[in-house]
Amino acid sequence: MISQQSRADAQCLWDFQQMDHEMRPCSVAIGLGSHDLGVADVTAALYRDGMAPVIVFTGATSRTTRERMPRGEAEHYRERALELGVPADAILVEPNARNTGENITLSRALLAQRGITVSSALLVCKPYEQRRAYATARKLWPDAEWVCASAPMSIAEYVASIGDERLVIDMLVGAQQRLMIYPNQGFMIRQEIPTDVEEAYRRLVTDGFTSRLIPASVEGG
């Protein structure tokens, strides 16, 4: 059973991840690969709305996507965007990235290789990882302006789409941990963590929502 306190704490982490950026036209839309095809849907919608002239889908496979997306996350995203009416010549595929940092650096290299000048970028990701993606992009590509986007969903809607409430809370806890430790490792910019967010995170860890945490030995390294 998941307690009401744990659900409230998960809502706190979810709300903190939402950047609430206003959408505006940018040089490119970058869809970060994952298990969630909704990222491709949002990226395609932004393209159709005229928010970016070109899309980069970035991502190889991971243990959570190897079976569902055997051709690679970016390629499956591309196929989804084509189904949604995005023309093939508007999509670039970066098939090698295996983490958020590589999503950014390899997408930047691909765009430079194609001669595409980037002053601003729409960063499209899962709803519970907006702040993590933004902090990483700001660190690794600081001269670009970043606008975060994801599917406009409540946590209840996202849980329904995934079908596993405990897994969603585990993923929220893992994303929050990285916001707290990765700045010390140079992976992302530092962001102020409100006291209530940190307390919610600590309670969820104590309550066993730990499957997506980085081990202590890695955390300290």
N, C-alpha and C. Protein backbone atom coordinates (compact mmCIF):
# COMPACT_ATOMS: atom_id res chain seq x y z
N MET A 1 0.83 -1.20 0.00
CA MET A 1 0.00 0.00 0.00
C MET A 1 0.87 1.25 0.00
N ILE A 2 0.43 2.25 -0.74
CA ILE A 2 1.12 3.54 -0.77
C ILE A 2 0.30 4.52 0.07
N SER A 3 0.94 5.12 1.06
CA SER A 3 0.24 5.98 2.01
C SER A 3 -0.12 7.31 1.38
N GLN A 4 -1.06 7.99 2.03
CA GLN A 4 -1.44 9.34 1.58
C GLN A 4 -0.26 10.29 1.70
N GLN A 5 0.57 10.10 2.74
CA GLN A 5 1.76 10.95 2.89
C GLN A 5 2.70 10.75 1.71
N SER A 6 2.91 9.49 1.31
CA SER A 6 3.80 9.24 0.18
C SER A 6 3.25 9.84 -1.10
N ARG A 7 1.94 9.77 -1.29
CA ARG A 7 1.34 10.37 -2.48
C ARG A 7 1.51 11.89 -2.45
N ALA A 8 1.35 12.49 -1.27
CA ALA A 8 1.53 13.93 -1.16
C ALA A 8 2.99 14.31 -1.43
N ASP A 9 3.91 13.51 -0.93
CA ASP A 9 5.33 13.78 -1.17
C ASP A 9 5.68 13.63 -2.65
N ALA A 10 5.11 12.62 -3.30
CA ALA A 10 5.33 12.45 -4.73
C ALA A 10 4.80 13.64 -5.51
N GLN A 11 3.63 14.15 -5.11
CA GLN A 11 3.07 15.34 -5.77
C GLN A 11 4.01 16.53 -5.62
N CYS A 12 4.62 16.66 -4.44
CA CYS A 12 5.57 17.74 -4.20
C CYS A 12 6.75 17.66 -5.16
N LEU A 13 7.31 16.46 -5.33
CA LEU A 13 8.43 16.29 -6.26
C LEU A 13 7.99 16.54 -7.69
N TRP A 14 6.82 16.07 -8.05
CA TRP A 14 6.28 16.27 -9.41
C TRP A 14 6.14 17.77 -9.70
N ASP A 15 5.55 18.49 -8.76
CA ASP A 15 5.34 19.93 -8.96
C ASP A 15 6.67 20.66 -9.11
N PHE A 16 7.67 20.24 -8.35
CA PHE A 16 8.98 20.90 -8.43
C PHE A 16 9.62 20.69 -9.79
N GLN A 17 9.38 19.55 -10.41
CA GLN A 17 9.98 19.27 -11.71
C GLN A 17 9.37 20.12 -12.83
N GLN A 18 8.19 20.65 -12.64
CA GLN A 18 7.54 21.41 -13.71
C GLN A 18 8.17 22.80 -13.81
N MET A 19 8.76 23.11 -14.95
CA MET A 19 9.40 24.41 -15.14
C MET A 19 8.42 25.50 -15.54
N ASP A 20 7.28 25.10 -16.09
CA ASP A 20 6.22 26.05 -16.49
C ASP A 20 6.74 27.10 -17.47
N HIS A 21 7.60 26.68 -18.39
CA HIS A 21 8.08 27.60 -19.40
C HIS A 21 6.99 27.88 -20.44
N GLU A 22 6.94 29.11 -20.91
CA GLU A 22 6.02 29.47 -21.99
C GLU A 22 6.65 29.07 -23.32
N MET A 23 5.91 28.37 -24.13
CA MET A 23 6.44 27.92 -25.41
C MET A 23 6.63 29.11 -26.36
N ARG A 24 7.75 29.08 -27.06
CA ARG A 24 8.04 30.12 -28.06
C ARG A 24 8.89 29.50 -29.15
N PRO A 25 8.91 30.09 -30.34
CA PRO A 25 9.72 29.53 -31.42
C PRO A 25 11.20 29.50 -31.06
N CYS A 26 11.85 28.37 -31.39
CA CYS A 26 13.27 28.19 -31.11
C CYS A 26 13.97 27.64 -32.36
N SER A 27 15.28 27.58 -32.30
CA SER A 27 16.07 27.11 -33.44
C SER A 27 15.85 25.64 -33.73
N VAL A 28 15.59 24.86 -32.69
CA VAL A 28 15.48 23.41 -32.82
C VAL A 28 14.65 22.87 -31.67
N ALA A 29 14.03 21.73 -31.88
CA ALA A 29 13.39 20.98 -30.80
C ALA A 29 14.17 19.68 -30.61
N ILE A 30 14.58 19.42 -29.38
CA ILE A 30 15.37 18.22 -29.08
C ILE A 30 14.53 17.31 -28.19
N GLY A 31 14.18 16.14 -28.73
CA GLY A 31 13.40 15.16 -27.98
C GLY A 31 14.31 14.14 -27.33
N LEU A 32 14.31 14.10 -26.01
CA LEU A 32 15.21 13.23 -25.27
C LEU A 32 14.65 11.81 -25.19
N GLY A 33 15.42 10.86 -25.67
CA GLY A 33 14.99 9.48 -25.73
C GLY A 33 14.69 8.90 -24.36
N SER A 34 13.71 7.99 -24.33
CA SER A 34 13.31 7.32 -23.09
C SER A 34 12.30 6.24 -23.46
N HIS A 35 11.67 5.65 -22.44
CA HIS A 35 10.62 4.66 -22.65
C HIS A 35 9.31 5.30 -23.09
N ASP A 36 9.22 6.63 -23.01
CA ASP A 36 7.95 7.35 -23.14
C ASP A 36 7.79 7.94 -24.54
N LEU A 37 6.97 7.30 -25.38
CA LEU A 37 6.72 7.81 -26.73
C LEU A 37 5.97 9.14 -26.70
N GLY A 38 5.41 9.50 -25.56
CA GLY A 38 4.76 10.80 -25.44
C GLY A 38 5.71 11.94 -25.71
N VAL A 39 7.00 11.72 -25.48
CA VAL A 39 8.00 12.76 -25.80
C VAL A 39 8.00 13.04 -27.29
N ALA A 40 7.91 12.00 -28.10
CA ALA A 40 7.85 12.18 -29.55
C ALA A 40 6.56 12.90 -29.94
N ASP A 41 5.46 12.57 -29.29
CA ASP A 41 4.18 13.22 -29.59
C ASP A 41 4.27 14.72 -29.34
N VAL A 42 4.82 15.11 -28.19
CA VAL A 42 4.93 16.53 -27.84
C VAL A 42 5.86 17.24 -28.82
N THR A 43 6.98 16.60 -29.15
CA THR A 43 7.93 17.21 -30.08
C THR A 43 7.29 17.43 -31.45
N ALA A 44 6.55 16.43 -31.92
CA ALA A 44 5.86 16.57 -33.20
C ALA A 44 4.83 17.69 -33.16
N ALA A 45 4.10 17.80 -32.06
CA ALA A 45 3.10 18.85 -31.93
C ALA A 45 3.75 20.24 -31.95
N LEU A 46 4.88 20.37 -31.30
CA LEU A 46 5.60 21.65 -31.31
C LEU A 46 6.06 22.00 -32.72
N TYR A 47 6.53 21.00 -33.44
CA TYR A 47 6.93 21.25 -34.84
C TYR A 47 5.72 21.71 -35.66
N ARG A 48 4.61 21.01 -35.53
CA ARG A 48 3.41 21.37 -36.30
C ARG A 48 2.90 22.76 -35.94
N ASP A 49 3.14 23.18 -34.70
CA ASP A 49 2.72 24.51 -34.27
C ASP A 49 3.70 25.60 -34.67
N GLY A 50 4.75 25.23 -35.39
CA GLY A 50 5.71 26.22 -35.87
C GLY A 50 6.71 26.67 -34.83
N MET A 51 6.91 25.87 -33.79
CA MET A 51 7.82 26.26 -32.72
C MET A 51 9.28 25.93 -33.01
N ALA A 52 9.54 25.12 -34.03
CA ALA A 52 10.92 24.79 -34.40
C ALA A 52 10.92 24.28 -35.84
N PRO A 53 11.93 24.65 -36.64
CA PRO A 53 11.99 24.20 -38.03
C PRO A 53 12.61 22.82 -38.19
N VAL A 54 13.27 22.34 -37.16
CA VAL A 54 13.95 21.05 -37.24
C VAL A 54 13.89 20.37 -35.88
N ILE A 55 13.86 19.04 -35.92
CA ILE A 55 13.80 18.21 -34.72
C ILE A 55 15.05 17.34 -34.65
N VAL A 56 15.58 17.18 -33.45
CA VAL A 56 16.57 16.13 -33.20
C VAL A 56 15.97 15.16 -32.19
N PHE A 57 15.91 13.90 -32.55
CA PHE A 57 15.59 12.85 -31.58
C PHE A 57 16.89 12.16 -31.20
N THR A 58 17.11 12.03 -29.89
CA THR A 58 18.39 11.53 -29.41
C THR A 58 18.19 10.41 -28.40
N GLY A 59 18.92 9.31 -28.59
CA GLY A 59 18.85 8.22 -27.63
C GLY A 59 19.12 6.86 -28.25
N ALA A 60 19.91 6.06 -27.56
CA ALA A 60 20.19 4.69 -27.97
C ALA A 60 19.13 3.79 -27.33
N THR A 61 19.53 2.81 -26.58
CA THR A 61 18.60 1.99 -25.80
C THR A 61 19.13 1.88 -24.38
N SER A 62 18.27 1.48 -23.48
CA SER A 62 18.64 1.23 -22.09
C SER A 62 17.99 -0.07 -21.66
N ARG A 63 18.21 -0.44 -20.42
CA ARG A 63 17.61 -1.69 -19.94
C ARG A 63 16.09 -1.62 -19.94
N THR A 64 15.53 -0.41 -19.86
CA THR A 64 14.08 -0.27 -19.85
C THR A 64 13.48 -0.15 -21.24
N THR A 65 14.32 0.05 -22.27
CA THR A 65 13.77 0.24 -23.62
C THR A 65 14.27 -0.78 -24.63
N ARG A 66 15.18 -1.64 -24.21
CA ARG A 66 15.82 -2.56 -25.16
C ARG A 66 14.80 -3.45 -25.88
N GLU A 67 13.82 -3.93 -25.15
CA GLU A 67 12.82 -4.80 -25.76
C GLU A 67 11.73 -4.01 -26.48
N ARG A 68 11.31 -2.89 -25.89
CA ARG A 68 10.22 -2.11 -26.47
C ARG A 68 10.67 -1.31 -27.68
N MET A 69 11.94 -0.92 -27.70
CA MET A 69 12.45 -0.06 -28.78
C MET A 69 13.76 -0.64 -29.31
N PRO A 70 13.70 -1.78 -29.96
CA PRO A 70 14.93 -2.49 -30.35
C PRO A 70 15.77 -1.72 -31.38
N ARG A 71 15.15 -0.82 -32.13
CA ARG A 71 15.91 -0.04 -33.12
C ARG A 71 16.49 1.23 -32.52
N GLY A 72 16.31 1.42 -31.24
CA GLY A 72 16.84 2.60 -30.56
C GLY A 72 15.74 3.62 -30.31
N GLU A 73 15.85 4.31 -29.19
CA GLU A 73 14.82 5.26 -28.79
C GLU A 73 14.63 6.36 -29.84
N ALA A 74 15.72 6.92 -30.31
CA ALA A 74 15.61 8.02 -31.28
C ALA A 74 14.93 7.57 -32.56
N GLU A 75 15.24 6.37 -33.01
CA GLU A 75 14.62 5.87 -34.25
C GLU A 75 13.14 5.61 -34.06
N HIS A 76 12.76 5.05 -32.93
CA HIS A 76 11.34 4.84 -32.67
C HIS A 76 10.61 6.17 -32.54
N TYR A 77 11.24 7.17 -31.95
CA TYR A 77 10.65 8.51 -31.89
C TYR A 77 10.45 9.07 -33.30
N ARG A 78 11.46 8.89 -34.16
CA ARG A 78 11.36 9.38 -35.54
C ARG A 78 10.17 8.73 -36.24
N GLU A 79 10.03 7.43 -36.09
CA GLU A 79 8.92 6.73 -36.72
C GLU A 79 7.59 7.25 -36.22
N ARG A 80 7.51 7.52 -34.93
CA ARG A 80 6.28 8.07 -34.36
C ARG A 80 5.98 9.45 -34.94
N ALA A 81 7.00 10.31 -35.04
CA ALA A 81 6.79 11.65 -35.58
C ALA A 81 6.36 11.61 -37.04
N LEU A 82 6.91 10.68 -37.80
CA LEU A 82 6.48 10.52 -39.19
C LEU A 82 5.00 10.14 -39.25
N GLU A 83 4.56 9.25 -38.37
CA GLU A 83 3.15 8.87 -38.30
C GLU A 83 2.27 10.08 -38.00
N LEU A 84 2.82 11.03 -37.26
CA LEU A 84 2.07 12.22 -36.85
C LEU A 84 2.19 13.36 -37.85
N GLY A 85 2.82 13.10 -39.00
CA GLY A 85 2.83 14.08 -40.07
C GLY A 85 4.04 14.96 -40.18
N VAL A 86 5.08 14.72 -39.37
CA VAL A 86 6.30 15.51 -39.50
C VAL A 86 7.07 15.00 -40.72
N PRO A 87 7.51 15.88 -41.62
CA PRO A 87 8.24 15.42 -42.81
C PRO A 87 9.61 14.86 -42.44
N ALA A 88 10.05 13.87 -43.18
CA ALA A 88 11.31 13.19 -42.87
C ALA A 88 12.49 14.14 -42.89
N ASP A 89 12.46 15.13 -43.79
CA ASP A 89 13.62 16.02 -43.90
C ASP A 89 13.70 17.04 -42.77
N ALA A 90 12.72 17.03 -41.88
CA ALA A 90 12.76 17.92 -40.72
C ALA A 90 13.28 17.21 -39.47
N ILE A 91 13.64 15.93 -39.60
CA ILE A 91 14.03 15.13 -38.43
C ILE A 91 15.47 14.66 -38.57
N LEU A 92 16.27 14.93 -37.54
CA LEU A 92 17.61 14.37 -37.42
C LEU A 92 17.59 13.33 -36.29
N VAL A 93 18.35 12.26 -36.47
CA VAL A 93 18.41 11.20 -35.47
C VAL A 93 19.82 11.09 -34.92
N GLU A 94 19.92 11.17 -33.61
CA GLU A 94 21.20 10.96 -32.90
C GLU A 94 21.03 9.64 -32.15
N PRO A 95 21.65 8.54 -32.58
CA PRO A 95 21.32 7.21 -32.08
C PRO A 95 22.21 6.66 -30.98
N ASN A 96 23.14 7.45 -30.46
CA ASN A 96 24.17 6.88 -29.59
C ASN A 96 24.09 7.29 -28.13
N ALA A 97 23.34 8.33 -27.80
CA ALA A 97 23.34 8.86 -26.42
C ALA A 97 22.73 7.85 -25.46
N ARG A 98 23.37 7.69 -24.30
CA ARG A 98 22.89 6.75 -23.29
C ARG A 98 22.58 7.41 -21.95
N ASN A 99 22.68 8.73 -21.89
CA ASN A 99 22.27 9.46 -20.69
C ASN A 99 21.96 10.89 -21.11
N THR A 100 21.45 11.68 -20.17
CA THR A 100 21.00 13.03 -20.51
C THR A 100 22.16 13.90 -20.98
N GLY A 101 23.31 13.76 -20.34
CA GLY A 101 24.46 14.54 -20.78
C GLY A 101 24.83 14.26 -22.22
N GLU A 102 24.86 12.98 -22.59
CA GLU A 102 25.17 12.64 -23.98
C GLU A 102 24.07 13.08 -24.92
N ASN A 103 22.80 13.07 -24.48
CA ASN A 103 21.72 13.61 -25.29
C ASN A 103 22.06 15.03 -25.74
N ILE A 104 22.57 15.83 -24.81
CA ILE A 104 22.86 17.22 -25.11
C ILE A 104 24.12 17.36 -25.96
N THR A 105 25.21 16.75 -25.53
CA THR A 105 26.48 16.96 -26.23
C THR A 105 26.46 16.36 -27.63
N LEU A 106 25.87 15.19 -27.80
CA LEU A 106 25.84 14.56 -29.12
C LEU A 106 24.85 15.25 -30.05
N SER A 107 23.75 15.76 -29.51
CA SER A 107 22.83 16.54 -30.34
C SER A 107 23.49 17.83 -30.80
N ARG A 108 24.23 18.46 -29.91
CA ARG A 108 24.94 19.68 -30.29
C ARG A 108 25.94 19.39 -31.40
N ALA A 109 26.67 18.30 -31.29
CA ALA A 109 27.66 17.96 -32.31
C ALA A 109 26.99 17.66 -33.65
N LEU A 110 25.86 16.96 -33.62
CA LEU A 110 25.15 16.63 -34.85
C LEU A 110 24.64 17.90 -35.55
N LEU A 111 24.08 18.81 -34.79
CA LEU A 111 23.58 20.05 -35.36
C LEU A 111 24.71 20.88 -35.96
N ALA A 112 25.84 20.92 -35.26
CA ALA A 112 27.00 21.64 -35.80
C ALA A 112 27.49 21.00 -37.09
N GLN A 113 27.51 19.68 -37.11
CA GLN A 113 27.94 18.95 -38.31
C GLN A 113 27.04 19.27 -39.49
N ARG A 114 25.75 19.46 -39.24
CA ARG A 114 24.81 19.79 -40.31
C ARG A 114 24.76 21.27 -40.62
N GLY A 115 25.56 22.05 -39.93
CA GLY A 115 25.62 23.48 -40.20
C GLY A 115 24.41 24.26 -39.71
N ILE A 116 23.72 23.75 -38.71
CA ILE A 116 22.52 24.40 -38.17
C ILE A 116 22.92 25.26 -36.98
N THR A 117 22.68 26.54 -37.09
CA THR A 117 23.00 27.46 -36.00
C THR A 117 21.91 27.42 -34.95
N VAL A 118 22.31 27.26 -33.70
CA VAL A 118 21.35 27.13 -32.60
C VAL A 118 21.59 28.24 -31.58
N SER A 119 20.58 29.08 -31.42
CA SER A 119 20.62 30.09 -30.36
C SER A 119 19.65 29.74 -29.23
N SER A 120 18.66 28.91 -29.55
CA SER A 120 17.66 28.52 -28.56
C SER A 120 17.15 27.13 -28.90
N ALA A 121 16.67 26.43 -27.90
CA ALA A 121 16.22 25.05 -28.13
C ALA A 121 15.05 24.71 -27.23
N LEU A 122 14.08 24.03 -27.82
CA LEU A 122 13.01 23.41 -27.05
C LEU A 122 13.51 22.06 -26.56
N LEU A 123 13.49 21.85 -25.27
CA LEU A 123 14.00 20.63 -24.68
C LEU A 123 12.79 19.80 -24.24
N VAL A 124 12.52 18.72 -24.96
CA VAL A 124 11.31 17.95 -24.73
C VAL A 124 11.67 16.66 -24.00
N CYS A 125 11.00 16.42 -22.88
CA CYS A 125 11.37 15.29 -22.03
C CYS A 125 10.14 14.76 -21.31
N LYS A 126 10.33 13.77 -20.46
CA LYS A 126 9.25 13.23 -19.64
C LYS A 126 8.82 14.28 -18.61
N PRO A 127 7.55 14.28 -18.20
CA PRO A 127 7.08 15.33 -17.29
C PRO A 127 7.83 15.38 -15.96
N TYR A 128 8.30 14.23 -15.49
CA TYR A 128 8.95 14.22 -14.17
C TYR A 128 10.45 14.50 -14.24
N GLU A 129 10.95 14.89 -15.41
CA GLU A 129 12.38 15.16 -15.53
C GLU A 129 12.69 16.51 -16.18
N GLN A 130 11.73 17.42 -16.18
CA GLN A 130 11.99 18.72 -16.81
C GLN A 130 13.18 19.43 -16.17
N ARG A 131 13.15 19.54 -14.87
CA ARG A 131 14.19 20.33 -14.19
C ARG A 131 15.56 19.66 -14.33
N ARG A 132 15.59 18.35 -14.28
CA ARG A 132 16.86 17.64 -14.46
C ARG A 132 17.41 17.87 -15.87
N ALA A 133 16.55 17.76 -16.88
CA ALA A 133 17.00 17.98 -18.25
C ALA A 133 17.49 19.41 -18.45
N TYR A 134 16.74 20.36 -17.91
CA TYR A 134 17.09 21.78 -18.04
C TYR A 134 18.44 22.07 -17.39
N ALA A 135 18.64 21.56 -16.17
CA ALA A 135 19.88 21.82 -15.45
C ALA A 135 21.08 21.22 -16.19
N THR A 136 20.89 20.07 -16.81
CA THR A 136 21.96 19.43 -17.57
C THR A 136 22.28 20.24 -18.82
N ALA A 137 21.24 20.65 -19.55
CA ALA A 137 21.46 21.43 -20.77
C ALA A 137 22.14 22.76 -20.48
N ARG A 138 21.73 23.41 -19.42
CA ARG A 138 22.36 24.70 -19.06
C ARG A 138 23.84 24.54 -18.74
N LYS A 139 24.20 23.41 -18.15
CA LYS A 139 25.60 23.16 -17.81
C LYS A 139 26.43 22.87 -19.05
N LEU A 140 25.91 22.03 -19.93
CA LEU A 140 26.70 21.51 -21.04
C LEU A 140 26.61 22.36 -22.30
N TRP A 141 25.58 23.19 -22.41
CA TRP A 141 25.42 24.05 -23.59
C TRP A 141 24.94 25.41 -23.09
N PRO A 142 25.80 26.13 -22.38
CA PRO A 142 25.35 27.33 -21.67
C PRO A 142 25.02 28.52 -22.57
N ASP A 143 25.52 28.53 -23.81
CA ASP A 143 25.26 29.68 -24.66
C ASP A 143 23.95 29.58 -25.43
N ALA A 144 23.21 28.50 -25.25
CA ALA A 144 21.88 28.38 -25.85
C ALA A 144 20.82 28.74 -24.81
N GLU A 145 19.70 29.30 -25.28
CA GLU A 145 18.55 29.53 -24.42
C GLU A 145 17.66 28.29 -24.46
N TRP A 146 17.22 27.83 -23.29
CA TRP A 146 16.50 26.56 -23.19
C TRP A 146 15.07 26.78 -22.73
N VAL A 147 14.15 26.13 -23.44
CA VAL A 147 12.74 26.15 -23.09
C VAL A 147 12.30 24.70 -22.90
N CYS A 148 11.83 24.36 -21.71
CA CYS A 148 11.45 22.97 -21.41
C CYS A 148 10.00 22.71 -21.77
N ALA A 149 9.76 21.50 -22.28
CA ALA A 149 8.40 21.10 -22.64
C ALA A 149 8.21 19.63 -22.34
N SER A 150 7.01 19.27 -21.98
CA SER A 150 6.63 17.87 -21.83
C SER A 150 5.12 17.78 -21.93
N ALA A 151 4.60 16.57 -21.93
CA ALA A 151 3.15 16.40 -22.02
C ALA A 151 2.49 17.06 -20.81
N PRO A 152 1.43 17.84 -21.04
CA PRO A 152 0.75 18.53 -19.93
C PRO A 152 -0.14 17.57 -19.17
N MET A 153 0.47 16.83 -18.25
CA MET A 153 -0.24 15.78 -17.52
C MET A 153 -0.11 16.01 -16.02
N SER A 154 -1.13 15.58 -15.30
CA SER A 154 -1.03 15.51 -13.85
C SER A 154 -0.29 14.23 -13.48
N ILE A 155 0.14 14.15 -12.23
CA ILE A 155 0.81 12.92 -11.80
C ILE A 155 -0.16 11.74 -11.87
N ALA A 156 -1.43 11.96 -11.58
CA ALA A 156 -2.41 10.87 -11.66
C ALA A 156 -2.54 10.38 -13.10
N GLU A 157 -2.55 11.30 -14.05
CA GLU A 157 -2.63 10.91 -15.46
C GLU A 157 -1.39 10.15 -15.90
N TYR A 158 -0.24 10.58 -15.39
CA TYR A 158 1.00 9.90 -15.78
C TYR A 158 1.04 8.49 -15.17
N VAL A 159 0.63 8.37 -13.93
CA VAL A 159 0.56 7.04 -13.31
C VAL A 159 -0.36 6.13 -14.11
N ALA A 160 -1.49 6.67 -14.55
CA ALA A 160 -2.43 5.86 -15.34
C ALA A 160 -1.80 5.43 -16.66
N SER A 161 -0.99 6.30 -17.26
CA SER A 161 -0.37 5.96 -18.54
C SER A 161 0.72 4.91 -18.38
N ILE A 162 1.41 4.91 -17.24
CA ILE A 162 2.48 3.95 -16.98
C ILE A 162 1.92 2.65 -16.40
N GLY A 163 0.90 2.79 -15.56
CA GLY A 163 0.27 1.62 -14.97
C GLY A 163 0.95 1.08 -13.74
N ASP A 164 1.85 1.87 -13.13
CA ASP A 164 2.59 1.39 -11.95
C ASP A 164 2.93 2.59 -11.09
N GLU A 165 2.11 2.85 -10.06
CA GLU A 165 2.30 4.03 -9.23
C GLU A 165 3.63 3.99 -8.49
N ARG A 166 4.00 2.83 -7.96
CA ARG A 166 5.26 2.74 -7.22
C ARG A 166 6.44 3.05 -8.12
N LEU A 167 6.43 2.58 -9.35
CA LEU A 167 7.52 2.86 -10.28
C LEU A 167 7.62 4.34 -10.57
N VAL A 168 6.48 5.01 -10.76
CA VAL A 168 6.51 6.44 -11.03
C VAL A 168 7.12 7.19 -9.85
N ILE A 169 6.75 6.81 -8.63
CA ILE A 169 7.33 7.48 -7.46
C ILE A 169 8.82 7.19 -7.37
N ASP A 170 9.22 5.95 -7.64
CA ASP A 170 10.64 5.63 -7.66
C ASP A 170 11.39 6.52 -8.66
N MET A 171 10.80 6.73 -9.84
CA MET A 171 11.46 7.55 -10.86
C MET A 171 11.55 9.01 -10.42
N LEU A 172 10.51 9.50 -9.76
CA LEU A 172 10.55 10.86 -9.23
C LEU A 172 11.66 11.02 -8.19
N VAL A 173 11.77 10.02 -7.32
CA VAL A 173 12.81 10.06 -6.28
C VAL A 173 14.20 10.03 -6.93
N GLY A 174 14.38 9.18 -7.95
CA GLY A 174 15.66 9.13 -8.63
C GLY A 174 16.02 10.43 -9.32
N ALA A 175 15.03 11.06 -9.96
CA ALA A 175 15.28 12.35 -10.62
C ALA A 175 15.66 13.41 -9.60
N GLN A 176 14.98 13.40 -8.45
CA GLN A 176 15.29 14.38 -7.41
C GLN A 176 16.69 14.17 -6.84
N GLN A 177 17.08 12.92 -6.62
CA GLN A 177 18.42 12.66 -6.10
C GLN A 177 19.48 13.25 -7.03
N ARG A 178 19.29 13.07 -8.32
CA ARG A 178 20.28 13.57 -9.28
C ARG A 178 20.37 15.09 -9.27
N LEU A 179 19.23 15.75 -9.08
CA LEU A 179 19.26 17.21 -8.95
C LEU A 179 20.11 17.65 -7.76
N MET A 180 20.16 16.82 -6.74
CA MET A 180 20.85 17.17 -5.52
C MET A 180 22.34 16.82 -5.55
N ILE A 181 22.74 15.77 -6.29
CA ILE A 181 24.13 15.34 -6.23
C ILE A 181 24.92 15.63 -7.50
N TYR A 182 24.25 15.71 -8.65
CA TYR A 182 25.00 15.88 -9.89
C TYR A 182 25.71 17.23 -10.02
N PRO A 183 25.19 18.32 -9.44
CA PRO A 183 25.96 19.56 -9.54
C PRO A 183 27.37 19.43 -8.95
N ASN A 184 27.51 18.67 -7.86
CA ASN A 184 28.83 18.48 -7.26
C ASN A 184 29.77 17.70 -8.17
N GLN A 185 29.21 16.93 -9.11
CA GLN A 185 30.01 16.13 -10.03
C GLN A 185 30.20 16.82 -11.38
N GLY A 186 29.68 18.04 -11.50
CA GLY A 186 29.86 18.80 -12.72
C GLY A 186 28.94 18.44 -13.85
N PHE A 187 27.86 17.68 -13.55
CA PHE A 187 26.97 17.21 -14.60
C PHE A 187 25.84 18.18 -14.92
N MET A 188 25.52 19.08 -14.00
CA MET A 188 24.42 20.03 -14.21
C MET A 188 24.62 21.26 -13.34
N ILE A 189 23.88 22.31 -13.66
CA ILE A 189 23.95 23.50 -12.83
C ILE A 189 23.26 23.23 -11.50
N ARG A 190 23.64 24.01 -10.50
CA ARG A 190 23.02 23.87 -9.18
C ARG A 190 21.71 24.68 -9.15
N GLN A 191 20.70 24.08 -8.56
CA GLN A 191 19.43 24.75 -8.38
C GLN A 191 19.05 24.72 -6.90
N GLU A 192 18.39 25.75 -6.47
CA GLU A 192 17.95 25.79 -5.07
C GLU A 192 16.84 24.76 -4.86
N ILE A 193 17.01 23.93 -3.86
CA ILE A 193 16.01 22.91 -3.53
C ILE A 193 15.21 23.40 -2.33
N PRO A 194 13.92 23.69 -2.50
CA PRO A 194 13.11 24.14 -1.36
C PRO A 194 13.09 23.10 -0.24
N THR A 195 12.95 23.58 0.97
CA THR A 195 12.98 22.69 2.13
C THR A 195 11.89 21.61 2.05
N ASP A 196 10.69 22.00 1.61
CA ASP A 196 9.62 21.00 1.58
C ASP A 196 9.89 19.92 0.55
N VAL A 197 10.58 20.27 -0.54
CA VAL A 197 10.93 19.28 -1.56
C VAL A 197 11.96 18.30 -1.00
N GLU A 198 12.97 18.83 -0.34
CA GLU A 198 14.00 17.94 0.22
C GLU A 198 13.41 17.03 1.29
N GLU A 199 12.52 17.57 2.11
CA GLU A 199 11.90 16.75 3.14
C GLU A 199 11.02 15.65 2.53
N ALA A 200 10.30 15.99 1.47
CA ALA A 200 9.47 14.99 0.79
C ALA A 200 10.34 13.89 0.21
N TYR A 201 11.45 14.28 -0.39
CA TYR A 201 12.39 13.30 -0.94
C TYR A 201 12.92 12.37 0.16
N ARG A 202 13.33 12.94 1.28
CA ARG A 202 13.90 12.12 2.36
C ARG A 202 12.86 11.13 2.89
N ARG A 203 11.62 11.57 3.03
CA ARG A 203 10.58 10.65 3.54
C ARG A 203 10.35 9.50 2.55
N LEU A 204 10.32 9.81 1.27
CA LEU A 204 10.08 8.76 0.28
C LEU A 204 11.23 7.75 0.26
N VAL A 205 12.45 8.23 0.42
CA VAL A 205 13.59 7.31 0.50
C VAL A 205 13.43 6.41 1.73
N THR A 206 13.10 7.01 2.87
CA THR A 206 12.90 6.23 4.09
C THR A 206 11.79 5.20 3.93
N ASP A 207 10.78 5.56 3.13
CA ASP A 207 9.65 4.65 2.92
C ASP A 207 9.91 3.61 1.84
N GLY A 208 11.12 3.60 1.28
CA GLY A 208 11.51 2.50 0.41
C GLY A 208 11.37 2.73 -1.08
N PHE A 209 11.15 3.98 -1.50
CA PHE A 209 11.04 4.27 -2.93
C PHE A 209 12.44 4.52 -3.49
N THR A 210 13.20 3.45 -3.63
CA THR A 210 14.64 3.59 -3.84
C THR A 210 15.17 2.87 -5.08
N SER A 211 14.31 2.29 -5.90
CA SER A 211 14.83 1.45 -6.99
C SER A 211 15.58 2.25 -8.05
N ARG A 212 15.35 3.54 -8.13
CA ARG A 212 16.02 4.36 -9.14
C ARG A 212 17.11 5.27 -8.54
N LEU A 213 17.49 5.00 -7.31
CA LEU A 213 18.54 5.78 -6.68
C LEU A 213 19.92 5.32 -7.16
N ILE A 214 20.85 6.26 -7.20
CA ILE A 214 22.26 5.92 -7.43
C ILE A 214 22.80 5.40 -6.11
N PRO A 215 23.55 4.27 -6.13
CA PRO A 215 24.09 3.74 -4.88
C PRO A 215 24.98 4.76 -4.16
N ALA A 216 25.06 4.63 -2.85
CA ALA A 216 25.82 5.58 -2.05
C ALA A 216 27.27 5.63 -2.49
N SER A 217 27.83 4.51 -2.90
CA SER A 217 29.23 4.48 -3.31
C SER A 217 29.46 5.32 -4.56
N VAL A 218 28.46 5.34 -5.45
CA VAL A 218 28.56 6.16 -6.66
C VAL A 218 28.25 7.60 -6.33
N GLU A 219 27.25 7.81 -5.46
CA GLU A 219 26.85 9.15 -5.09
C GLU A 219 28.01 9.94 -4.52
N GLY A 220 28.84 9.29 -3.75
CA GLY A 220 29.95 10.00 -3.14
C GLY A 220 31.16 10.15 -4.03
N GLY A 221 31.15 9.50 -5.20
CA GLY A 221 32.31 9.50 -6.06
C GLY A 221 32.37 10.62 -7.04
